[in-house]
Amino acid sequence: SHFFFSVGGWSKNDTIPNLERYDTQSHEWQVIASVSKHRYGGGVAVLDNLIFVVGGHDATSYLSTVERYDPKTNQWNSDVAPLNGARSDMGVVALGGYLYCVGGYDGFSCLNTVERYDPKVDKWFRISPMSSRRMGVGVVVLDGSLYAIGGSDGESPLNTVERYNPEEDRWSLCSSMRTWRENHGCAVFQGMIYVAGGHDDIAELSSGERFDPISNRWSPVRCMKAKRNKLGLAVVDGHLLAVGGFDGTVFLTTVEAYDLETNTWRQFGSMKGKHPGSGVTVVKME
């Protein structure tokens, strides 16, 4: 079965940032482990069935450290090579046996730099930078390419999208989104890229859209029930889920599921705790 994890994220009142697991068969959330380091705005991705938590900041400084969590043993291990540069609010994704860390903010400026982690040598390597600086960027992999979607350039939100070809180590511009967004959720569902929520410089968003790689166009998707900035978007057992986020007033624990047939969102339970600044990811476990 698949397990869905909400990793890290914490607010000033929390003492321990937790890892929660959603079991898709029992439909229940459990708090299963505490993250060994306080991190906000770190990137989360799965490589070789291990969950990697990359960078972020810990209320005093920006982090270059990386940890990995093994869901089978419920153990954290911080014996992973650090990034070449500290950053938070970046996108992290796995592609072709590597992890990619895309954009972010280092405490001084918004970044267009990209690093790739090779687990065989336990090292991060700088690769071609993006054409735009992007923090709060959404990253996904579709058809062997990495997409960097929206974010902020440090001044204002972006609607631009660029695609990375790993064979050529080259970025190229794609069709722009219909909406300017940063800190949105994005996921690949039924062969298309879905984005939802985020912030457009004025307000938190409930709107969504999807990119069809065949027509190379973005089209609108029905709005979520709640506005959600800094949400998680993930596909779990055939469901596209929007998890948590900030609605402009409070941090949400609620989860919504998108129904493709009816183009609607419905309530899909709640997490145990609020996870501002957390990452979400899915691990297949036999």
C-alpha atoms as a PDB file:
ATOM      1  CA  SER A   1       0.000   0.000   0.000  1.00  0.00           C
ATOM      2  CA  HIS A   2       0.943   3.663  -0.226  1.00  0.00           C
ATOM      3  CA  PHE A   3       1.670   5.841   2.763  1.00  0.00           C
ATOM      4  CA  PHE A   4       1.441   9.578   2.567  1.00  0.00           C
ATOM      5  CA  PHE A   5       3.740  11.640   4.802  1.00  0.00           C
ATOM      6  CA  SER A   6       3.577  15.194   6.028  1.00  0.00           C
ATOM      7  CA  VAL A   7       7.113  16.071   7.069  1.00  0.00           C
ATOM      8  CA  GLY A   8       8.312  18.782   9.414  1.00  0.00           C
ATOM      9  CA  GLY A   9       7.106  22.343   9.473  1.00  0.00           C
ATOM     10  CA  TRP A  10       6.409  23.991  12.760  1.00  0.00           C
ATOM     11  CA  SER A  11       5.181  27.224  14.306  1.00  0.00           C
ATOM     12  CA  LYS A  12       6.774  29.100  17.195  1.00  0.00           C
ATOM     13  CA  ASN A  13       4.456  27.492  19.764  1.00  0.00           C
ATOM     14  CA  ASP A  14       5.352  23.931  18.783  1.00  0.00           C
ATOM     15  CA  THR A  15       8.125  22.213  20.678  1.00  0.00           C
ATOM     16  CA  ILE A  16       8.666  19.260  18.337  1.00  0.00           C
ATOM     17  CA  PRO A  17       7.999  19.198  14.608  1.00  0.00           C
ATOM     18  CA  ASN A  18       6.358  15.902  13.771  1.00  0.00           C
ATOM     19  CA  LEU A  19       6.152  13.464  10.951  1.00  0.00           C
ATOM     20  CA  GLU A  20       2.618  12.290  10.250  1.00  0.00           C
ATOM     21  CA  ARG A  21       1.650   9.314   8.151  1.00  0.00           C
ATOM     22  CA  TYR A  22      -1.647   8.779   6.384  1.00  0.00           C
ATOM     23  CA  ASP A  23      -2.592   5.160   5.802  1.00  0.00           C
ATOM     24  CA  THR A  24      -4.622   4.944   2.609  1.00  0.00           C
ATOM     25  CA  GLN A  25      -6.289   1.699   3.677  1.00  0.00           C
ATOM     26  CA  SER A  26      -7.464   2.710   7.174  1.00  0.00           C
ATOM     27  CA  HIS A  27      -7.882   6.398   6.143  1.00  0.00           C
ATOM     28  CA  GLU A  28      -6.234   7.472   9.386  1.00  0.00           C
ATOM     29  CA  TRP A  29      -3.412   9.872  10.240  1.00  0.00           C
ATOM     30  CA  GLN A  30      -0.813   8.883  12.818  1.00  0.00           C
ATOM     31  CA  VAL A  31       2.023  10.882  14.325  1.00  0.00           C
ATOM     32  CA  ILE A  32       4.891   8.440  13.889  1.00  0.00           C
ATOM     33  CA  ALA A  33       8.168  10.271  14.517  1.00  0.00           C
ATOM     34  CA  SER A  34       9.597  13.626  15.393  1.00  0.00           C
ATOM     35  CA  VAL A  35      11.905  15.296  12.920  1.00  0.00           C
ATOM     36  CA  SER A  36      15.354  15.456  14.483  1.00  0.00           C
ATOM     37  CA  LYS A  37      15.935  19.080  13.458  1.00  0.00           C
ATOM     38  CA  HIS A  38      13.549  22.033  13.493  1.00  0.00           C
ATOM     39  CA  ARG A  39      13.143  23.107   9.883  1.00  0.00           C
ATOM     40  CA  TYR A  40      10.780  25.458   8.156  1.00  0.00           C
ATOM     41  CA  GLY A  41      10.644  25.806   4.377  1.00  0.00           C
ATOM     42  CA  GLY A  42      12.782  22.729   3.690  1.00  0.00           C
ATOM     43  CA  GLY A  43      12.314  20.661   0.556  1.00  0.00           C
ATOM     44  CA  VAL A  44      11.026  17.100   0.734  1.00  0.00           C
ATOM     45  CA  ALA A  45      11.332  14.305  -1.831  1.00  0.00           C
ATOM     46  CA  VAL A  46      11.586  10.524  -2.041  1.00  0.00           C
ATOM     47  CA  LEU A  47      14.597   8.732  -3.524  1.00  0.00           C
ATOM     48  CA  ASP A  48      15.012   4.940  -3.260  1.00  0.00           C
ATOM     49  CA  ASN A  49      12.038   4.759  -0.852  1.00  0.00           C
ATOM     50  CA  LEU A  50      13.810   7.109   1.574  1.00  0.00           C
ATOM     51  CA  ILE A  51      12.406  10.537   2.429  1.00  0.00           C
ATOM     52  CA  PHE A  52      14.982  13.338   2.092  1.00  0.00           C
ATOM     53  CA  VAL A  53      14.494  16.664   3.865  1.00  0.00           C
ATOM     54  CA  VAL A  54      16.724  19.340   2.373  1.00  0.00           C
ATOM     55  CA  GLY A  55      17.727  22.783   3.679  1.00  0.00           C
ATOM     56  CA  GLY A  56      15.152  25.159   5.136  1.00  0.00           C
ATOM     57  CA  HIS A  57      15.700  27.405   8.136  1.00  0.00           C
ATOM     58  CA  ASP A  58      15.567  26.826  11.868  1.00  0.00           C
ATOM     59  CA  ALA A  59      14.470  30.279  13.144  1.00  0.00           C
ATOM     60  CA  THR A  60      18.067  31.519  13.376  1.00  0.00           C
ATOM     61  CA  SER A  61      19.801  30.556  10.148  1.00  0.00           C
ATOM     62  CA  TYR A  62      19.372  29.126   6.684  1.00  0.00           C
ATOM     63  CA  LEU A  63      20.384  25.470   6.446  1.00  0.00           C
ATOM     64  CA  SER A  64      22.420  23.477   3.957  1.00  0.00           C
ATOM     65  CA  THR A  65      22.023  20.251   5.932  1.00  0.00           C
ATOM     66  CA  VAL A  66      20.124  17.247   4.617  1.00  0.00           C
ATOM     67  CA  GLU A  67      18.449  14.417   6.520  1.00  0.00           C
ATOM     68  CA  ARG A  68      16.825  11.240   5.354  1.00  0.00           C
ATOM     69  CA  TYR A  69      14.104   9.153   6.924  1.00  0.00           C
ATOM     70  CA  ASP A  70      13.601   5.438   6.380  1.00  0.00           C
ATOM     71  CA  PRO A  71       9.886   4.622   6.729  1.00  0.00           C
ATOM     72  CA  LYS A  72      10.635   0.902   7.077  1.00  0.00           C
ATOM     73  CA  THR A  73      12.803   1.363  10.185  1.00  0.00           C
ATOM     74  CA  ASN A  74      11.273   4.670  11.386  1.00  0.00           C
ATOM     75  CA  GLN A  75      14.812   6.067  11.680  1.00  0.00           C
ATOM     76  CA  TRP A  76      16.284   9.477  10.825  1.00  0.00           C
ATOM     77  CA  ASN A  77      19.834   9.712   9.508  1.00  0.00           C
ATOM     78  CA  SER A  78      21.675  13.027   9.144  1.00  0.00           C
ATOM     79  CA  ASP A  79      24.727  11.424   7.555  1.00  0.00           C
ATOM     80  CA  VAL A  80      23.944  12.956   4.136  1.00  0.00           C
ATOM     81  CA  ALA A  81      26.161  15.432   2.266  1.00  0.00           C
ATOM     82  CA  PRO A  82      25.029  19.049   2.661  1.00  0.00           C
ATOM     83  CA  LEU A  83      24.081  21.369  -0.174  1.00  0.00           C
ATOM     84  CA  ASN A  84      26.807  23.606  -1.604  1.00  0.00           C
ATOM     85  CA  GLY A  85      24.764  26.594  -0.418  1.00  0.00           C
ATOM     86  CA  ALA A  86      22.180  27.048   2.332  1.00  0.00           C
ATOM     87  CA  ARG A  87      18.639  27.770   1.118  1.00  0.00           C
ATOM     88  CA  SER A  88      14.975  27.488   1.989  1.00  0.00           C
ATOM     89  CA  ASP A  89      11.675  27.723   0.096  1.00  0.00           C
ATOM     90  CA  MET A  90      13.113  25.801  -2.833  1.00  0.00           C
ATOM     91  CA  GLY A  91      11.640  22.933  -4.823  1.00  0.00           C
ATOM     92  CA  VAL A  92      13.045  19.420  -4.382  1.00  0.00           C
ATOM     93  CA  VAL A  93      12.193  16.477  -6.616  1.00  0.00           C
ATOM     94  CA  ALA A  94      13.634  13.123  -7.692  1.00  0.00           C
ATOM     95  CA  LEU A  95      14.362  12.351 -11.337  1.00  0.00           C
ATOM     96  CA  GLY A  96      16.440   9.576 -12.896  1.00  0.00           C
ATOM     97  CA  GLY A  97      18.016   8.377  -9.643  1.00  0.00           C
ATOM     98  CA  TYR A  98      19.061  11.895  -8.567  1.00  0.00           C
ATOM     99  CA  LEU A  99      17.568  14.560  -6.313  1.00  0.00           C
ATOM    100  CA  TYR A 100      17.237  18.085  -7.671  1.00  0.00           C
ATOM    101  CA  CYS A 101      17.144  21.184  -5.461  1.00  0.00           C
ATOM    102  CA  VAL A 102      15.722  24.109  -7.424  1.00  0.00           C
ATOM    103  CA  GLY A 103      15.814  27.839  -6.589  1.00  0.00           C
ATOM    104  CA  GLY A 104      14.892  29.105  -3.118  1.00  0.00           C
ATOM    105  CA  TYR A 105      16.140  31.893  -0.862  1.00  0.00           C
ATOM    106  CA  ASP A 106      19.474  32.035   0.979  1.00  0.00           C
ATOM    107  CA  GLY A 107      18.779  34.932   3.368  1.00  0.00           C
ATOM    108  CA  PHE A 108      20.138  37.543   0.956  1.00  0.00           C
ATOM    109  CA  SER A 109      18.637  36.870  -2.419  1.00  0.00           C
ATOM    110  CA  CYS A 110      16.224  34.776  -4.379  1.00  0.00           C
ATOM    111  CA  LEU A 111      18.092  32.026  -6.283  1.00  0.00           C
ATOM    112  CA  ASN A 112      18.062  30.675  -9.817  1.00  0.00           C
ATOM    113  CA  THR A 113      20.729  28.081  -9.015  1.00  0.00           C
ATOM    114  CA  VAL A 114      20.062  24.340  -9.106  1.00  0.00           C
ATOM    115  CA  GLU A 115      21.907  21.471  -7.400  1.00  0.00           C
ATOM    116  CA  ARG A 116      21.728  17.762  -8.145  1.00  0.00           C
ATOM    117  CA  TYR A 117      22.430  15.064  -5.543  1.00  0.00           C
ATOM    118  CA  ASP A 118      24.062  11.824  -6.635  1.00  0.00           C
ATOM    119  CA  PRO A 119      23.398   9.161  -3.973  1.00  0.00           C
ATOM    120  CA  LYS A 120      26.145   6.899  -5.362  1.00  0.00           C
ATOM    121  CA  VAL A 121      28.861   9.370  -4.367  1.00  0.00           C
ATOM    122  CA  ASP A 122      26.842  11.216  -1.688  1.00  0.00           C
ATOM    123  CA  LYS A 123      27.516  14.636  -3.183  1.00  0.00           C
ATOM    124  CA  TRP A 124      25.622  17.681  -4.510  1.00  0.00           C
ATOM    125  CA  PHE A 125      26.716  19.137  -7.873  1.00  0.00           C
ATOM    126  CA  ARG A 126      25.726  22.494  -9.364  1.00  0.00           C
ATOM    127  CA  ILE A 127      24.019  22.213 -12.748  1.00  0.00           C
ATOM    128  CA  SER A 128      22.608  24.774 -15.216  1.00  0.00           C
ATOM    129  CA  PRO A 129      20.732  27.619 -13.525  1.00  0.00           C
ATOM    130  CA  MET A 130      17.178  28.575 -14.412  1.00  0.00           C
ATOM    131  CA  SER A 131      16.469  31.701 -16.455  1.00  0.00           C
ATOM    132  CA  SER A 132      14.458  33.166 -13.522  1.00  0.00           C
ATOM    133  CA  ARG A 133      15.149  33.439  -9.816  1.00  0.00           C
ATOM    134  CA  ARG A 134      12.417  31.470  -8.022  1.00  0.00           C
ATOM    135  CA  MET A 135      11.540  30.983  -4.353  1.00  0.00           C
ATOM    136  CA  GLY A 136       8.296  29.310  -3.290  1.00  0.00           C
ATOM    137  CA  VAL A 137       8.580  27.461  -6.605  1.00  0.00           C
ATOM    138  CA  GLY A 138       6.640  24.309  -7.500  1.00  0.00           C
ATOM    139  CA  VAL A 139       8.601  21.447  -9.046  1.00  0.00           C
ATOM    140  CA  VAL A 140       7.348  18.247 -10.656  1.00  0.00           C
ATOM    141  CA  VAL A 141       8.590  15.613 -13.084  1.00  0.00           C
ATOM    142  CA  LEU A 142       6.578  14.724 -16.163  1.00  0.00           C
ATOM    143  CA  ASP A 143       7.750  12.527 -19.067  1.00  0.00           C
ATOM    144  CA  GLY A 144      11.393  12.634 -17.962  1.00  0.00           C
ATOM    145  CA  SER A 145      11.578  16.429 -17.683  1.00  0.00           C
ATOM    146  CA  LEU A 146      11.684  18.592 -14.585  1.00  0.00           C
ATOM    147  CA  TYR A 147       9.295  21.558 -14.462  1.00  0.00           C
ATOM    148  CA  ALA A 148       9.862  24.668 -12.315  1.00  0.00           C
ATOM    149  CA  ILE A 149       6.508  26.404 -11.980  1.00  0.00           C
ATOM    150  CA  GLY A 150       5.817  29.932 -10.748  1.00  0.00           C
ATOM    151  CA  GLY A 151       7.254  31.077  -7.437  1.00  0.00           C
ATOM    152  CA  SER A 152       8.498  34.579  -6.645  1.00  0.00           C
ATOM    153  CA  ASP A 153      11.569  36.369  -8.002  1.00  0.00           C
ATOM    154  CA  GLY A 154      11.980  38.206  -4.691  1.00  0.00           C
ATOM    155  CA  GLU A 155       9.877  41.148  -5.887  1.00  0.00           C
ATOM    156  CA  SER A 156       6.629  39.601  -7.058  1.00  0.00           C
ATOM    157  CA  PRO A 157       4.974  36.261  -7.897  1.00  0.00           C
ATOM    158  CA  LEU A 158       5.569  34.631 -11.282  1.00  0.00           C
ATOM    159  CA  ASN A 159       3.343  32.820 -13.750  1.00  0.00           C
ATOM    160  CA  THR A 160       6.244  31.617 -15.893  1.00  0.00           C
ATOM    161  CA  VAL A 161       7.237  27.971 -16.212  1.00  0.00           C
ATOM    162  CA  GLU A 162      10.526  26.446 -17.337  1.00  0.00           C
ATOM    163  CA  ARG A 163      11.435  22.874 -18.152  1.00  0.00           C
ATOM    164  CA  TYR A 164      14.772  21.146 -17.572  1.00  0.00           C
ATOM    165  CA  ASN A 165      16.082  18.476 -19.912  1.00  0.00           C
ATOM    166  CA  PRO A 166      18.565  16.309 -17.926  1.00  0.00           C
ATOM    167  CA  GLU A 167      20.199  14.849 -21.064  1.00  0.00           C
ATOM    168  CA  GLU A 168      21.124  18.325 -22.348  1.00  0.00           C
ATOM    169  CA  ASP A 169      21.485  20.028 -18.924  1.00  0.00           C
ATOM    170  CA  ARG A 170      19.345  22.812 -20.361  1.00  0.00           C
ATOM    171  CA  TRP A 171      16.325  24.874 -19.276  1.00  0.00           C
ATOM    172  CA  SER A 172      13.725  26.137 -21.738  1.00  0.00           C
ATOM    173  CA  LEU A 173      10.595  28.234 -21.259  1.00  0.00           C
ATOM    174  CA  CYS A 174       7.135  26.607 -21.504  1.00  0.00           C
ATOM    175  CA  SER A 175       3.616  27.998 -21.539  1.00  0.00           C
ATOM    176  CA  SER A 176       2.904  30.298 -18.590  1.00  0.00           C
ATOM    177  CA  MET A 177       0.194  29.636 -16.017  1.00  0.00           C
ATOM    178  CA  ARG A 178      -2.988  31.699 -16.136  1.00  0.00           C
ATOM    179  CA  THR A 179      -2.363  32.925 -12.572  1.00  0.00           C
ATOM    180  CA  TRP A 180       0.693  34.355 -10.829  1.00  0.00           C
ATOM    181  CA  ARG A 181       1.455  32.112  -7.823  1.00  0.00           C
ATOM    182  CA  GLU A 182       4.057  31.370  -5.182  1.00  0.00           C
ATOM    183  CA  ASN A 183       3.985  28.686  -2.457  1.00  0.00           C
ATOM    184  CA  HIS A 184       1.381  26.708  -4.397  1.00  0.00           C
ATOM    185  CA  GLY A 185       1.020  22.951  -4.457  1.00  0.00           C
ATOM    186  CA  CYS A 186       1.778  20.967  -7.590  1.00  0.00           C
ATOM    187  CA  ALA A 187       1.563  17.323  -8.576  1.00  0.00           C
ATOM    188  CA  VAL A 188       1.283  15.114 -11.641  1.00  0.00           C
ATOM    189  CA  PHE A 189      -2.123  13.427 -11.909  1.00  0.00           C
ATOM    190  CA  GLN A 190      -3.435  11.386 -14.868  1.00  0.00           C
ATOM    191  CA  GLY A 191      -0.656  12.596 -17.167  1.00  0.00           C
ATOM    192  CA  MET A 192      -1.112  16.307 -16.460  1.00  0.00           C
ATOM    193  CA  ILE A 193       0.491  18.801 -14.073  1.00  0.00           C
ATOM    194  CA  TYR A 194      -1.953  20.185 -11.504  1.00  0.00           C
ATOM    195  CA  VAL A 195      -1.275  23.314  -9.463  1.00  0.00           C
ATOM    196  CA  ALA A 196      -3.526  24.649  -6.716  1.00  0.00           C
ATOM    197  CA  GLY A 197      -3.548  27.421  -4.153  1.00  0.00           C
ATOM    198  CA  GLY A 198      -0.575  29.568  -3.231  1.00  0.00           C
ATOM    199  CA  HIS A 199      -0.428  33.353  -3.078  1.00  0.00           C
ATOM    200  CA  ASP A 200      -0.671  35.954  -5.863  1.00  0.00           C
ATOM    201  CA  ASP A 201       0.804  39.032  -4.083  1.00  0.00           C
ATOM    202  CA  ILE A 202      -2.611  40.095  -2.804  1.00  0.00           C
ATOM    203  CA  ALA A 203      -4.298  37.086  -1.250  1.00  0.00           C
ATOM    204  CA  GLU A 204      -4.219  33.365  -0.595  1.00  0.00           C
ATOM    205  CA  LEU A 205      -5.675  31.378  -3.505  1.00  0.00           C
ATOM    206  CA  SER A 206      -8.216  28.581  -3.787  1.00  0.00           C
ATOM    207  CA  SER A 207      -7.945  28.379  -7.579  1.00  0.00           C
ATOM    208  CA  GLY A 208      -6.304  25.600  -9.533  1.00  0.00           C
ATOM    209  CA  GLU A 209      -5.180  24.859 -13.067  1.00  0.00           C
ATOM    210  CA  ARG A 210      -3.646  22.042 -15.051  1.00  0.00           C
ATOM    211  CA  PHE A 211      -1.071  21.737 -17.800  1.00  0.00           C
ATOM    212  CA  ASP A 212      -1.584  19.323 -20.675  1.00  0.00           C
ATOM    213  CA  PRO A 213       1.814  18.443 -22.217  1.00  0.00           C
ATOM    214  CA  ILE A 214       0.159  17.365 -25.477  1.00  0.00           C
ATOM    215  CA  SER A 215      -1.622  20.668 -26.151  1.00  0.00           C
ATOM    216  CA  ASN A 216       1.079  22.590 -24.217  1.00  0.00           C
ATOM    217  CA  ARG A 217      -1.674  24.654 -22.528  1.00  0.00           C
ATOM    218  CA  TRP A 218      -2.895  25.510 -19.042  1.00  0.00           C
ATOM    219  CA  SER A 219      -6.622  25.333 -18.322  1.00  0.00           C
ATOM    220  CA  PRO A 220      -8.577  26.145 -15.149  1.00  0.00           C
ATOM    221  CA  VAL A 221      -9.673  23.569 -12.592  1.00  0.00           C
ATOM    222  CA  ARG A 222     -12.501  24.071 -10.098  1.00  0.00           C
ATOM    223  CA  CYS A 223     -11.509  26.033  -6.997  1.00  0.00           C
ATOM    224  CA  MET A 224     -10.827  24.214  -3.736  1.00  0.00           C
ATOM    225  CA  LYS A 225     -13.280  24.739  -0.867  1.00  0.00           C
ATOM    226  CA  ALA A 226     -10.606  26.560   1.147  1.00  0.00           C
ATOM    227  CA  LYS A 227      -7.953  29.103   0.246  1.00  0.00           C
ATOM    228  CA  ARG A 228      -4.606  27.399   0.812  1.00  0.00           C
ATOM    229  CA  ASN A 229      -1.160  28.991   0.740  1.00  0.00           C
ATOM    230  CA  LYS A 230       1.862  26.724   1.396  1.00  0.00           C
ATOM    231  CA  LEU A 231      -0.279  23.614   0.984  1.00  0.00           C
ATOM    232  CA  GLY A 232       0.862  20.162  -0.029  1.00  0.00           C
ATOM    233  CA  LEU A 233      -0.505  18.610  -3.223  1.00  0.00           C
ATOM    234  CA  ALA A 234       0.061  14.900  -3.784  1.00  0.00           C
ATOM    235  CA  VAL A 235      -1.455  11.849  -5.429  1.00  0.00           C
ATOM    236  CA  VAL A 236      -2.254   9.033  -3.018  1.00  0.00           C
ATOM    237  CA  ASP A 237      -3.878   5.787  -4.188  1.00  0.00           C
ATOM    238  CA  GLY A 238      -5.437   7.495  -7.197  1.00  0.00           C
ATOM    239  CA  HIS A 239      -6.625  10.540  -5.227  1.00  0.00           C
ATOM    240  CA  LEU A 240      -5.277  14.036  -5.818  1.00  0.00           C
ATOM    241  CA  LEU A 241      -5.126  15.515  -2.308  1.00  0.00           C
ATOM    242  CA  ALA A 242      -4.687  19.120  -1.157  1.00  0.00           C
ATOM    243  CA  VAL A 243      -3.297  19.057   2.369  1.00  0.00           C
ATOM    244  CA  GLY A 244      -3.191  21.805   4.983  1.00  0.00           C
ATOM    245  CA  GLY A 245      -1.921  25.280   4.187  1.00  0.00           C
ATOM    246  CA  PHE A 246      -2.698  28.785   5.411  1.00  0.00           C
ATOM    247  CA  ASP A 247      -6.029  30.408   4.505  1.00  0.00           C
ATOM    248  CA  GLY A 248      -5.047  33.965   5.441  1.00  0.00           C
ATOM    249  CA  THR A 249      -6.153  33.592   9.053  1.00  0.00           C
ATOM    250  CA  VAL A 250      -5.324  30.118  10.327  1.00  0.00           C
ATOM    251  CA  PHE A 251      -3.202  27.095   9.448  1.00  0.00           C
ATOM    252  CA  LEU A 252      -5.493  24.329   8.203  1.00  0.00           C
ATOM    253  CA  THR A 253      -5.449  20.661   9.144  1.00  0.00           C
ATOM    254  CA  THR A 254      -8.119  19.778   6.583  1.00  0.00           C
ATOM    255  CA  VAL A 255      -7.521  17.713   3.459  1.00  0.00           C
ATOM    256  CA  GLU A 256      -9.503  17.939   0.201  1.00  0.00           C
ATOM    257  CA  ALA A 257      -9.634  15.415  -2.635  1.00  0.00           C
ATOM    258  CA  TYR A 258     -10.157  16.334  -6.293  1.00  0.00           C
ATOM    259  CA  ASP A 259     -12.587  14.308  -8.394  1.00  0.00           C
ATOM    260  CA  LEU A 260     -11.612  14.371 -12.063  1.00  0.00           C
ATOM    261  CA  GLU A 261     -14.971  13.137 -13.377  1.00  0.00           C
ATOM    262  CA  THR A 262     -17.022  15.851 -11.679  1.00  0.00           C
ATOM    263  CA  ASN A 263     -14.249  18.509 -11.502  1.00  0.00           C
ATOM    264  CA  THR A 264     -15.005  19.093  -7.816  1.00  0.00           C
ATOM    265  CA  TRP A 265     -13.177  19.036  -4.490  1.00  0.00           C
ATOM    266  CA  ARG A 266     -14.541  17.252  -1.418  1.00  0.00           C
ATOM    267  CA  GLN A 267     -13.476  17.053   2.225  1.00  0.00           C
ATOM    268  CA  PHE A 268     -11.129  14.128   2.851  1.00  0.00           C
ATOM    269  CA  GLY A 269     -10.522  14.169   6.599  1.00  0.00           C
ATOM    270  CA  SER A 270      -8.006  16.072   8.696  1.00  0.00           C
ATOM    271  CA  MET A 271      -4.442  15.719   9.911  1.00  0.00           C
ATOM    272  CA  LYS A 272      -3.746  15.460  13.637  1.00  0.00           C
ATOM    273  CA  GLY A 273      -1.592  18.596  13.780  1.00  0.00           C
ATOM    274  CA  LYS A 274      -0.962  21.818  11.918  1.00  0.00           C
ATOM    275  CA  HIS A 275       2.173  21.719   9.802  1.00  0.00           C
ATOM    276  CA  PRO A 276       3.010  25.219   8.619  1.00  0.00           C
ATOM    277  CA  GLY A 277       5.941  25.038   6.222  1.00  0.00           C
ATOM    278  CA  SER A 278       5.873  21.249   5.935  1.00  0.00           C
ATOM    279  CA  GLY A 279       6.517  19.115   2.894  1.00  0.00           C
ATOM    280  CA  VAL A 280       4.338  16.243   1.735  1.00  0.00           C
ATOM    281  CA  THR A 281       5.338  13.107  -0.073  1.00  0.00           C
ATOM    282  CA  VAL A 282       4.213   9.582  -0.892  1.00  0.00           C
ATOM    283  CA  VAL A 283       6.123   6.340  -0.340  1.00  0.00           C
ATOM    284  CA  LYS A 284       5.118   2.943  -1.696  1.00  0.00           C
ATOM    285  CA  MET A 285       5.564   0.330   1.021  1.00  0.00           C
ATOM    286  CA  GLU A 286       5.175  -3.348   0.360  1.00  0.00           C
END
